[in-house]
Amino acid sequence: MNSGKLVLGLLAGLAAGAVLGILFAPDKGTETRKKIVEKGEDYVDGIKEKLNGLVEELGKKMDGVKAKADEMMDDVKSKVDKAKASTN
């Protein structure tokens, strides 16, 4: 999860830098506001893509953990059944 925080931090830094760069550019106010909105939308889309990727990766990892837990449970049940059979 530290990588997710790092990515979000980097994106926030990039967004802040882009906004400051646009604000100090010698453009009309309407053009500057338009650029800020466009850049903001681009960054929001980028963040959404990163978050979707993280959620997808987390889902895959959870599926792997569940499969491993199911496998371990089956192994335990098998050993318990064998123990019961050997005592009878």
N, C-alpha and C. Protein backbone atom coordinates (compact mmCIF):
# COMPACT_ATOMS: atom_id res chain seq x y z
N MET A 1 0.82 -1.19 0.00
CA MET A 1 0.00 0.00 0.00
C MET A 1 0.86 1.25 0.00
N ASN A 2 2.12 1.13 0.40
CA ASN A 2 3.01 2.28 0.38
C ASN A 2 3.22 2.77 -1.04
N SER A 3 3.24 1.87 -2.02
CA SER A 3 3.40 2.30 -3.40
C SER A 3 2.20 3.11 -3.85
N GLY A 4 1.01 2.78 -3.39
CA GLY A 4 -0.19 3.55 -3.71
C GLY A 4 -0.10 4.96 -3.17
N LYS A 5 0.39 5.09 -1.94
CA LYS A 5 0.55 6.42 -1.35
C LYS A 5 1.61 7.21 -2.09
N LEU A 6 2.66 6.53 -2.50
CA LEU A 6 3.72 7.19 -3.25
C LEU A 6 3.19 7.71 -4.58
N VAL A 7 2.42 6.89 -5.28
CA VAL A 7 1.86 7.29 -6.57
C VAL A 7 0.94 8.49 -6.39
N LEU A 8 0.08 8.44 -5.39
CA LEU A 8 -0.83 9.55 -5.14
C LEU A 8 -0.07 10.83 -4.77
N GLY A 9 0.99 10.68 -3.99
CA GLY A 9 1.81 11.83 -3.63
C GLY A 9 2.48 12.45 -4.84
N LEU A 10 3.02 11.59 -5.70
CA LEU A 10 3.66 12.08 -6.92
C LEU A 10 2.65 12.78 -7.83
N LEU A 11 1.48 12.18 -7.98
CA LEU A 11 0.45 12.81 -8.81
C LEU A 11 0.00 14.15 -8.24
N ALA A 12 -0.12 14.23 -6.93
CA ALA A 12 -0.51 15.49 -6.30
C ALA A 12 0.57 16.54 -6.52
N GLY A 13 1.83 16.15 -6.42
CA GLY A 13 2.93 17.08 -6.67
C GLY A 13 2.96 17.56 -8.11
N LEU A 14 2.74 16.63 -9.02
CA LEU A 14 2.68 17.00 -10.43
C LEU A 14 1.53 17.95 -10.71
N ALA A 15 0.40 17.68 -10.11
CA ALA A 15 -0.77 18.54 -10.31
C ALA A 15 -0.50 19.93 -9.76
N ALA A 16 0.08 20.02 -8.59
CA ALA A 16 0.38 21.32 -7.99
C ALA A 16 1.37 22.08 -8.87
N GLY A 17 2.39 21.40 -9.36
CA GLY A 17 3.37 22.05 -10.23
C GLY A 17 2.75 22.54 -11.52
N ALA A 18 1.86 21.73 -12.10
CA ALA A 18 1.21 22.13 -13.34
C ALA A 18 0.32 23.35 -13.12
N VAL A 19 -0.43 23.35 -12.03
CA VAL A 19 -1.32 24.48 -11.74
C VAL A 19 -0.49 25.75 -11.52
N LEU A 20 0.59 25.65 -10.77
CA LEU A 20 1.43 26.83 -10.56
C LEU A 20 2.04 27.32 -11.87
N GLY A 21 2.48 26.39 -12.71
CA GLY A 21 3.02 26.77 -14.00
C GLY A 21 2.00 27.49 -14.86
N ILE A 22 0.79 27.02 -14.83
CA ILE A 22 -0.28 27.66 -15.62
C ILE A 22 -0.61 29.03 -15.04
N LEU A 23 -0.66 29.12 -13.73
CA LEU A 23 -1.01 30.40 -13.10
C LEU A 23 0.02 31.49 -13.40
N PHE A 24 1.27 31.13 -13.51
CA PHE A 24 2.31 32.12 -13.77
C PHE A 24 2.58 32.33 -15.26
N ALA A 25 1.86 31.62 -16.12
CA ALA A 25 2.02 31.80 -17.56
C ALA A 25 1.34 33.11 -17.98
N PRO A 26 1.89 33.78 -18.99
CA PRO A 26 1.32 35.06 -19.41
C PRO A 26 0.12 34.89 -20.35
N ASP A 27 -0.98 34.39 -19.84
CA ASP A 27 -2.20 34.20 -20.63
C ASP A 27 -3.33 35.02 -20.01
N LYS A 28 -4.41 35.16 -20.76
CA LYS A 28 -5.61 35.78 -20.23
C LYS A 28 -6.19 34.92 -19.12
N GLY A 29 -6.97 35.53 -18.25
CA GLY A 29 -7.58 34.80 -17.14
C GLY A 29 -8.48 33.68 -17.61
N THR A 30 -9.26 33.91 -18.66
CA THR A 30 -10.16 32.86 -19.15
C THR A 30 -9.37 31.68 -19.71
N GLU A 31 -8.29 31.97 -20.41
CA GLU A 31 -7.45 30.89 -20.95
C GLU A 31 -6.78 30.12 -19.82
N THR A 32 -6.33 30.84 -18.81
CA THR A 32 -5.68 30.19 -17.67
C THR A 32 -6.65 29.27 -16.95
N ARG A 33 -7.89 29.76 -16.72
CA ARG A 33 -8.88 28.93 -16.05
C ARG A 33 -9.22 27.70 -16.89
N LYS A 34 -9.32 27.87 -18.18
CA LYS A 34 -9.60 26.74 -19.07
C LYS A 34 -8.48 25.70 -18.99
N LYS A 35 -7.24 26.17 -18.97
CA LYS A 35 -6.10 25.24 -18.88
C LYS A 35 -6.10 24.51 -17.54
N ILE A 36 -6.43 25.24 -16.47
CA ILE A 36 -6.47 24.61 -15.15
C ILE A 36 -7.52 23.51 -15.12
N VAL A 37 -8.69 23.78 -15.67
CA VAL A 37 -9.77 22.79 -15.69
C VAL A 37 -9.34 21.57 -16.51
N GLU A 38 -8.74 21.81 -17.67
CA GLU A 38 -8.31 20.69 -18.53
C GLU A 38 -7.25 19.85 -17.83
N LYS A 39 -6.27 20.51 -17.22
CA LYS A 39 -5.21 19.77 -16.51
C LYS A 39 -5.80 19.01 -15.34
N GLY A 40 -6.73 19.65 -14.62
CA GLY A 40 -7.37 18.98 -13.49
C GLY A 40 -8.10 17.73 -13.93
N GLU A 41 -8.81 17.82 -15.03
CA GLU A 41 -9.52 16.65 -15.56
C GLU A 41 -8.54 15.55 -15.97
N ASP A 42 -7.42 15.95 -16.58
CA ASP A 42 -6.41 14.97 -16.97
C ASP A 42 -5.86 14.25 -15.74
N TYR A 43 -5.56 15.01 -14.68
CA TYR A 43 -5.02 14.40 -13.47
C TYR A 43 -6.04 13.52 -12.77
N VAL A 44 -7.29 13.94 -12.76
CA VAL A 44 -8.33 13.11 -12.15
C VAL A 44 -8.46 11.80 -12.91
N ASP A 45 -8.44 11.87 -14.23
CA ASP A 45 -8.50 10.64 -15.03
C ASP A 45 -7.31 9.73 -14.73
N GLY A 46 -6.12 10.33 -14.61
CA GLY A 46 -4.93 9.54 -14.29
C GLY A 46 -5.02 8.88 -12.93
N ILE A 47 -5.52 9.62 -11.96
CA ILE A 47 -5.68 9.07 -10.60
C ILE A 47 -6.70 7.93 -10.61
N LYS A 48 -7.80 8.12 -11.36
CA LYS A 48 -8.81 7.06 -11.44
C LYS A 48 -8.21 5.80 -12.03
N GLU A 49 -7.40 5.95 -13.09
CA GLU A 49 -6.77 4.78 -13.70
C GLU A 49 -5.85 4.08 -12.72
N LYS A 50 -5.05 4.85 -11.99
CA LYS A 50 -4.14 4.26 -11.00
C LYS A 50 -4.91 3.54 -9.90
N LEU A 51 -5.97 4.17 -9.40
CA LEU A 51 -6.76 3.54 -8.35
C LEU A 51 -7.44 2.27 -8.85
N ASN A 52 -7.96 2.31 -10.08
CA ASN A 52 -8.57 1.11 -10.64
C ASN A 52 -7.54 -0.01 -10.76
N GLY A 53 -6.33 0.34 -11.16
CA GLY A 53 -5.26 -0.65 -11.25
C GLY A 53 -4.93 -1.23 -9.89
N LEU A 54 -4.86 -0.37 -8.86
CA LEU A 54 -4.58 -0.85 -7.52
C LEU A 54 -5.69 -1.75 -7.00
N VAL A 55 -6.94 -1.36 -7.26
CA VAL A 55 -8.08 -2.18 -6.82
C VAL A 55 -8.05 -3.53 -7.53
N GLU A 56 -7.75 -3.52 -8.82
CA GLU A 56 -7.69 -4.78 -9.57
C GLU A 56 -6.57 -5.67 -9.03
N GLU A 57 -5.42 -5.08 -8.77
CA GLU A 57 -4.29 -5.85 -8.23
C GLU A 57 -4.63 -6.42 -6.85
N LEU A 58 -5.28 -5.62 -6.03
CA LEU A 58 -5.69 -6.08 -4.70
C LEU A 58 -6.68 -7.23 -4.82
N GLY A 59 -7.61 -7.13 -5.76
CA GLY A 59 -8.58 -8.21 -5.98
C GLY A 59 -7.89 -9.51 -6.38
N LYS A 60 -6.88 -9.40 -7.25
CA LYS A 60 -6.13 -10.59 -7.66
C LYS A 60 -5.41 -11.21 -6.47
N LYS A 61 -4.81 -10.37 -5.65
CA LYS A 61 -4.10 -10.88 -4.48
C LYS A 61 -5.06 -11.54 -3.50
N MET A 62 -6.23 -10.94 -3.32
CA MET A 62 -7.22 -11.52 -2.41
C MET A 62 -7.70 -12.87 -2.94
N ASP A 63 -7.89 -12.98 -4.26
CA ASP A 63 -8.29 -14.26 -4.84
C ASP A 63 -7.22 -15.32 -4.58
N GLY A 64 -5.95 -14.92 -4.70
CA GLY A 64 -4.86 -15.84 -4.43
C GLY A 64 -4.83 -16.29 -2.98
N VAL A 65 -5.07 -15.36 -2.07
CA VAL A 65 -5.09 -15.69 -0.64
C VAL A 65 -6.25 -16.63 -0.34
N LYS A 66 -7.42 -16.35 -0.93
CA LYS A 66 -8.58 -17.21 -0.72
C LYS A 66 -8.32 -18.62 -1.23
N ALA A 67 -7.72 -18.72 -2.42
CA ALA A 67 -7.42 -20.03 -2.99
C ALA A 67 -6.45 -20.80 -2.09
N LYS A 68 -5.45 -20.10 -1.57
CA LYS A 68 -4.47 -20.75 -0.69
C LYS A 68 -5.14 -21.18 0.62
N ALA A 69 -6.03 -20.35 1.16
CA ALA A 69 -6.74 -20.70 2.39
C ALA A 69 -7.64 -21.91 2.16
N ASP A 70 -8.32 -21.95 1.01
CA ASP A 70 -9.16 -23.10 0.69
C ASP A 70 -8.32 -24.38 0.57
N GLU A 71 -7.17 -24.25 -0.06
CA GLU A 71 -6.26 -25.39 -0.20
C GLU A 71 -5.79 -25.89 1.16
N MET A 72 -5.44 -24.95 2.04
CA MET A 72 -4.99 -25.34 3.38
C MET A 72 -6.12 -25.99 4.16
N MET A 73 -7.33 -25.48 4.02
CA MET A 73 -8.48 -26.04 4.72
C MET A 73 -8.76 -27.46 4.24
N ASP A 74 -8.69 -27.68 2.94
CA ASP A 74 -8.88 -29.03 2.41
C ASP A 74 -7.81 -29.98 2.94
N ASP A 75 -6.58 -29.50 3.03
CA ASP A 75 -5.48 -30.32 3.55
C ASP A 75 -5.74 -30.69 5.02
N VAL A 76 -6.19 -29.73 5.81
CA VAL A 76 -6.48 -29.98 7.23
C VAL A 76 -7.62 -30.98 7.36
N LYS A 77 -8.68 -30.80 6.55
CA LYS A 77 -9.80 -31.73 6.61
C LYS A 77 -9.36 -33.14 6.25
N SER A 78 -8.50 -33.25 5.26
CA SER A 78 -8.00 -34.55 4.85
C SER A 78 -7.22 -35.22 5.98
N LYS A 79 -6.38 -34.45 6.64
CA LYS A 79 -5.59 -34.98 7.74
C LYS A 79 -6.47 -35.39 8.92
N VAL A 80 -7.50 -34.61 9.19
CA VAL A 80 -8.42 -34.93 10.28
C VAL A 80 -9.17 -36.22 9.94
N ASP A 81 -9.64 -36.35 8.69
CA ASP A 81 -10.33 -37.57 8.27
C ASP A 81 -9.42 -38.79 8.38
N LYS A 82 -8.15 -38.66 8.01
CA LYS A 82 -7.21 -39.76 8.12
C LYS A 82 -6.98 -40.12 9.58
N ALA A 83 -6.89 -39.12 10.43
CA ALA A 83 -6.68 -39.37 11.86
C ALA A 83 -7.88 -40.11 12.45
N LYS A 84 -9.08 -39.69 12.06
CA LYS A 84 -10.29 -40.35 12.54
C LYS A 84 -10.34 -41.79 12.07
N ALA A 85 -9.98 -42.01 10.81
CA ALA A 85 -10.03 -43.36 10.25
C ALA A 85 -9.02 -44.27 10.92
N SER A 86 -7.87 -43.75 11.29
CA SER A 86 -6.84 -44.60 11.89
C SER A 86 -7.17 -44.94 13.34
N THR A 87 -8.01 -44.13 13.99
CA THR A 87 -8.36 -44.43 15.38
C THR A 87 -9.54 -45.39 15.46
N ASN A 88 -10.29 -45.54 14.38
CA ASN A 88 -11.45 -46.43 14.41
C ASN A 88 -11.08 -47.81 14.10
